[in-house]
Amino acid sequence: MTDHIIRRRPAASLIGESLTGLHEGAARGVYPPPIKVGLRASGYLASEVETIVRAKAAGLTDQQMRELATRLVKRRCSLRAELLAEVSA
């Protein structure tokens, strides 16, 4: 699977939020937290942004969005574990 990082401003635009709305949504757990990609840079996986857009289009409630955000973060952790296992092998 290929994925790429979408910086916060374009991600917010794709999701239909302002930067403040994206930040507040992450603070409330409705969106996953951004990924740090540098000292002053962060973004989201493109696949996560696409999933969030589809969830909003489907009309998920805030509670359902929080559950989705939790699953997306768990998927990040699984990916991290897989990558570390590859490096260690």
N, C-alpha and C. Protein backbone atom coordinates (compact mmCIF):
# COMPACT_ATOMS: atom_id res chain seq x y z
N MET A 1 0.85 -1.18 0.00
CA MET A 1 0.00 0.00 0.00
C MET A 1 0.89 1.24 0.00
N THR A 2 0.61 2.16 -0.88
CA THR A 2 1.33 3.42 -0.87
C THR A 2 0.43 4.48 -0.24
N ASP A 3 1.04 5.29 0.56
CA ASP A 3 0.31 6.36 1.24
C ASP A 3 1.25 7.56 1.28
N HIS A 4 0.70 8.71 1.48
CA HIS A 4 1.54 9.89 1.60
C HIS A 4 0.94 10.83 2.63
N ILE A 5 1.76 11.77 3.07
CA ILE A 5 1.33 12.74 4.07
C ILE A 5 0.72 13.95 3.37
N ILE A 6 -0.43 14.34 3.86
CA ILE A 6 -1.07 15.58 3.41
C ILE A 6 -0.93 16.57 4.56
N ARG A 7 -0.34 17.70 4.28
CA ARG A 7 -0.15 18.72 5.32
C ARG A 7 -1.50 19.20 5.85
N ARG A 8 -1.48 19.83 7.01
CA ARG A 8 -2.70 20.18 7.72
C ARG A 8 -3.65 21.08 6.94
N ARG A 9 -3.14 22.12 6.30
CA ARG A 9 -4.03 23.06 5.60
C ARG A 9 -4.78 22.37 4.45
N PRO A 10 -4.09 21.63 3.56
CA PRO A 10 -4.82 20.91 2.51
C PRO A 10 -5.75 19.83 3.07
N ALA A 11 -5.32 19.17 4.16
CA ALA A 11 -6.18 18.15 4.78
C ALA A 11 -7.46 18.79 5.30
N ALA A 12 -7.33 19.93 5.97
CA ALA A 12 -8.51 20.64 6.48
C ALA A 12 -9.44 21.00 5.35
N SER A 13 -8.89 21.49 4.26
CA SER A 13 -9.70 21.87 3.10
C SER A 13 -10.45 20.66 2.53
N LEU A 14 -9.76 19.53 2.40
CA LEU A 14 -10.40 18.32 1.87
C LEU A 14 -11.52 17.83 2.78
N ILE A 15 -11.30 17.95 4.09
CA ILE A 15 -12.30 17.50 5.07
C ILE A 15 -13.46 18.48 5.18
N GLY A 16 -13.21 19.73 4.76
CA GLY A 16 -14.26 20.74 4.85
C GLY A 16 -14.23 21.49 6.16
N GLU A 17 -13.04 21.61 6.74
CA GLU A 17 -12.87 22.30 8.01
C GLU A 17 -11.85 23.42 7.85
N SER A 18 -11.88 24.36 8.78
CA SER A 18 -10.79 25.32 8.90
C SER A 18 -9.66 24.64 9.67
N LEU A 19 -8.50 25.26 9.70
CA LEU A 19 -7.41 24.70 10.51
C LEU A 19 -7.81 24.62 11.98
N THR A 20 -8.51 25.66 12.45
CA THR A 20 -8.98 25.65 13.83
C THR A 20 -9.97 24.52 14.06
N GLY A 21 -10.89 24.31 13.12
CA GLY A 21 -11.85 23.22 13.24
C GLY A 21 -11.19 21.86 13.24
N LEU A 22 -10.15 21.72 12.43
CA LEU A 22 -9.42 20.45 12.40
C LEU A 22 -8.71 20.23 13.73
N HIS A 23 -8.08 21.28 14.26
CA HIS A 23 -7.38 21.19 15.54
C HIS A 23 -8.36 20.87 16.67
N GLU A 24 -9.49 21.57 16.70
CA GLU A 24 -10.48 21.33 17.75
C GLU A 24 -11.09 19.93 17.63
N GLY A 25 -11.32 19.48 16.38
CA GLY A 25 -11.84 18.13 16.18
C GLY A 25 -10.88 17.07 16.68
N ALA A 26 -9.58 17.29 16.47
CA ALA A 26 -8.57 16.35 16.98
C ALA A 26 -8.55 16.39 18.50
N ALA A 27 -8.70 17.57 19.09
CA ALA A 27 -8.71 17.70 20.55
C ALA A 27 -9.92 17.00 21.15
N ARG A 28 -11.05 17.03 20.44
CA ARG A 28 -12.27 16.35 20.92
C ARG A 28 -12.27 14.86 20.59
N GLY A 29 -11.29 14.41 19.79
CA GLY A 29 -11.21 13.00 19.42
C GLY A 29 -12.04 12.64 18.22
N VAL A 30 -12.63 13.64 17.56
CA VAL A 30 -13.45 13.38 16.37
C VAL A 30 -12.55 13.06 15.17
N TYR A 31 -11.35 13.65 15.15
CA TYR A 31 -10.35 13.36 14.13
C TYR A 31 -9.11 12.82 14.83
N PRO A 32 -8.32 12.01 14.14
CA PRO A 32 -7.07 11.56 14.76
C PRO A 32 -6.10 12.74 14.88
N PRO A 33 -5.14 12.64 15.78
CA PRO A 33 -4.16 13.72 15.88
C PRO A 33 -3.27 13.73 14.65
N PRO A 34 -2.71 14.89 14.32
CA PRO A 34 -1.81 14.94 13.17
C PRO A 34 -0.51 14.20 13.47
N ILE A 35 0.20 13.87 12.41
CA ILE A 35 1.49 13.19 12.49
C ILE A 35 2.58 14.24 12.36
N LYS A 36 3.51 14.27 13.29
CA LYS A 36 4.65 15.19 13.19
C LYS A 36 5.58 14.70 12.09
N VAL A 37 5.90 15.58 11.15
CA VAL A 37 6.82 15.22 10.07
C VAL A 37 8.08 16.09 10.10
N GLY A 38 8.15 16.98 11.05
CA GLY A 38 9.30 17.86 11.19
C GLY A 38 9.14 18.69 12.44
N LEU A 39 10.10 19.55 12.70
CA LEU A 39 10.02 20.39 13.90
C LEU A 39 8.79 21.27 13.92
N ARG A 40 8.44 21.81 12.75
CA ARG A 40 7.29 22.71 12.67
C ARG A 40 6.30 22.28 11.60
N ALA A 41 6.26 20.99 11.33
CA ALA A 41 5.39 20.49 10.27
C ALA A 41 4.64 19.25 10.74
N SER A 42 3.39 19.17 10.36
CA SER A 42 2.59 17.99 10.66
C SER A 42 1.55 17.81 9.56
N GLY A 43 0.97 16.63 9.53
CA GLY A 43 -0.02 16.33 8.51
C GLY A 43 -0.76 15.04 8.84
N TYR A 44 -1.44 14.54 7.85
CA TYR A 44 -2.26 13.33 7.99
C TYR A 44 -1.96 12.38 6.85
N LEU A 45 -2.13 11.10 7.09
CA LEU A 45 -2.04 10.14 6.01
C LEU A 45 -3.19 10.38 5.05
N ALA A 46 -2.91 10.31 3.76
CA ALA A 46 -3.95 10.54 2.75
C ALA A 46 -5.10 9.56 2.92
N SER A 47 -4.78 8.32 3.28
CA SER A 47 -5.84 7.32 3.48
C SER A 47 -6.76 7.70 4.63
N GLU A 48 -6.20 8.33 5.69
CA GLU A 48 -7.03 8.77 6.80
C GLU A 48 -7.95 9.91 6.39
N VAL A 49 -7.41 10.85 5.62
CA VAL A 49 -8.23 11.97 5.15
C VAL A 49 -9.37 11.45 4.29
N GLU A 50 -9.08 10.51 3.40
CA GLU A 50 -10.12 9.93 2.55
C GLU A 50 -11.18 9.23 3.40
N THR A 51 -10.76 8.50 4.41
CA THR A 51 -11.71 7.81 5.29
C THR A 51 -12.59 8.81 6.03
N ILE A 52 -12.01 9.90 6.50
CA ILE A 52 -12.77 10.92 7.22
C ILE A 52 -13.79 11.58 6.30
N VAL A 53 -13.38 11.89 5.08
CA VAL A 53 -14.31 12.49 4.11
C VAL A 53 -15.48 11.55 3.85
N ARG A 54 -15.19 10.27 3.65
CA ARG A 54 -16.26 9.29 3.39
C ARG A 54 -17.18 9.17 4.60
N ALA A 55 -16.61 9.21 5.81
CA ALA A 55 -17.42 9.11 7.03
C ALA A 55 -18.33 10.32 7.19
N LYS A 56 -17.80 11.50 6.90
CA LYS A 56 -18.64 12.70 6.97
C LYS A 56 -19.75 12.66 5.94
N ALA A 57 -19.42 12.18 4.74
CA ALA A 57 -20.43 12.07 3.68
C ALA A 57 -21.51 11.07 4.07
N ALA A 58 -21.14 10.05 4.82
CA ALA A 58 -22.10 9.03 5.25
C ALA A 58 -22.93 9.51 6.44
N GLY A 59 -22.57 10.66 7.02
CA GLY A 59 -23.36 11.22 8.11
C GLY A 59 -23.09 10.60 9.47
N LEU A 60 -21.86 10.13 9.70
CA LEU A 60 -21.54 9.55 11.01
C LEU A 60 -21.70 10.60 12.11
N THR A 61 -22.16 10.16 13.26
CA THR A 61 -22.31 11.04 14.42
C THR A 61 -20.94 11.34 15.02
N ASP A 62 -20.88 12.30 15.92
CA ASP A 62 -19.62 12.60 16.59
C ASP A 62 -19.08 11.38 17.32
N GLN A 63 -19.94 10.63 17.97
CA GLN A 63 -19.50 9.42 18.68
C GLN A 63 -18.92 8.41 17.70
N GLN A 64 -19.57 8.22 16.57
CA GLN A 64 -19.06 7.30 15.56
C GLN A 64 -17.73 7.80 14.98
N MET A 65 -17.61 9.11 14.83
CA MET A 65 -16.36 9.69 14.34
C MET A 65 -15.24 9.48 15.35
N ARG A 66 -15.54 9.58 16.65
CA ARG A 66 -14.53 9.33 17.68
C ARG A 66 -14.06 7.88 17.62
N GLU A 67 -15.00 6.96 17.43
CA GLU A 67 -14.64 5.54 17.32
C GLU A 67 -13.78 5.31 16.08
N LEU A 68 -14.13 5.96 15.00
CA LEU A 68 -13.34 5.85 13.77
C LEU A 68 -11.93 6.41 13.98
N ALA A 69 -11.82 7.56 14.62
CA ALA A 69 -10.51 8.17 14.88
C ALA A 69 -9.66 7.22 15.74
N THR A 70 -10.27 6.58 16.71
CA THR A 70 -9.55 5.62 17.56
C THR A 70 -9.02 4.47 16.72
N ARG A 71 -9.84 3.96 15.80
CA ARG A 71 -9.40 2.86 14.93
C ARG A 71 -8.27 3.31 14.01
N LEU A 72 -8.34 4.53 13.50
CA LEU A 72 -7.28 5.05 12.63
C LEU A 72 -5.96 5.15 13.39
N VAL A 73 -6.00 5.60 14.63
CA VAL A 73 -4.78 5.70 15.44
C VAL A 73 -4.23 4.30 15.72
N LYS A 74 -5.10 3.36 16.01
CA LYS A 74 -4.65 1.98 16.25
C LYS A 74 -3.99 1.41 14.99
N ARG A 75 -4.51 1.76 13.82
CA ARG A 75 -3.92 1.29 12.57
C ARG A 75 -2.52 1.88 12.40
N ARG A 76 -2.34 3.14 12.80
CA ARG A 76 -1.00 3.75 12.77
C ARG A 76 -0.04 2.95 13.65
N CYS A 77 -0.51 2.57 14.84
CA CYS A 77 0.34 1.83 15.77
C CYS A 77 0.71 0.47 15.19
N SER A 78 -0.24 -0.17 14.53
CA SER A 78 0.03 -1.46 13.89
C SER A 78 1.06 -1.30 12.79
N LEU A 79 0.93 -0.25 12.01
CA LEU A 79 1.88 0.03 10.94
C LEU A 79 3.28 0.25 11.52
N ARG A 80 3.35 0.98 12.61
CA ARG A 80 4.63 1.22 13.28
C ARG A 80 5.26 -0.09 13.70
N ALA A 81 4.47 -0.97 14.31
CA ALA A 81 4.98 -2.27 14.76
C ALA A 81 5.48 -3.10 13.59
N GLU A 82 4.74 -3.09 12.49
CA GLU A 82 5.16 -3.83 11.29
C GLU A 82 6.47 -3.29 10.75
N LEU A 83 6.61 -1.98 10.68
CA LEU A 83 7.84 -1.37 10.17
C LEU A 83 9.03 -1.67 11.06
N LEU A 84 8.81 -1.62 12.38
CA LEU A 84 9.89 -1.93 13.31
C LEU A 84 10.32 -3.40 13.19
N ALA A 85 9.36 -4.29 12.96
CA ALA A 85 9.67 -5.72 12.79
C ALA A 85 10.50 -5.92 11.53
N GLU A 86 10.16 -5.19 10.46
CA GLU A 86 10.92 -5.30 9.22
C GLU A 86 12.35 -4.82 9.40
N VAL A 87 12.51 -3.73 10.11
CA VAL A 87 13.84 -3.17 10.33
C VAL A 87 14.67 -4.10 11.21
N SER A 88 14.04 -4.74 12.17
CA SER A 88 14.74 -5.62 13.09
C SER A 88 15.12 -6.95 12.45
N ALA A 89 14.42 -7.32 11.38
CA ALA A 89 14.66 -8.63 10.74
C ALA A 89 15.92 -8.67 9.95
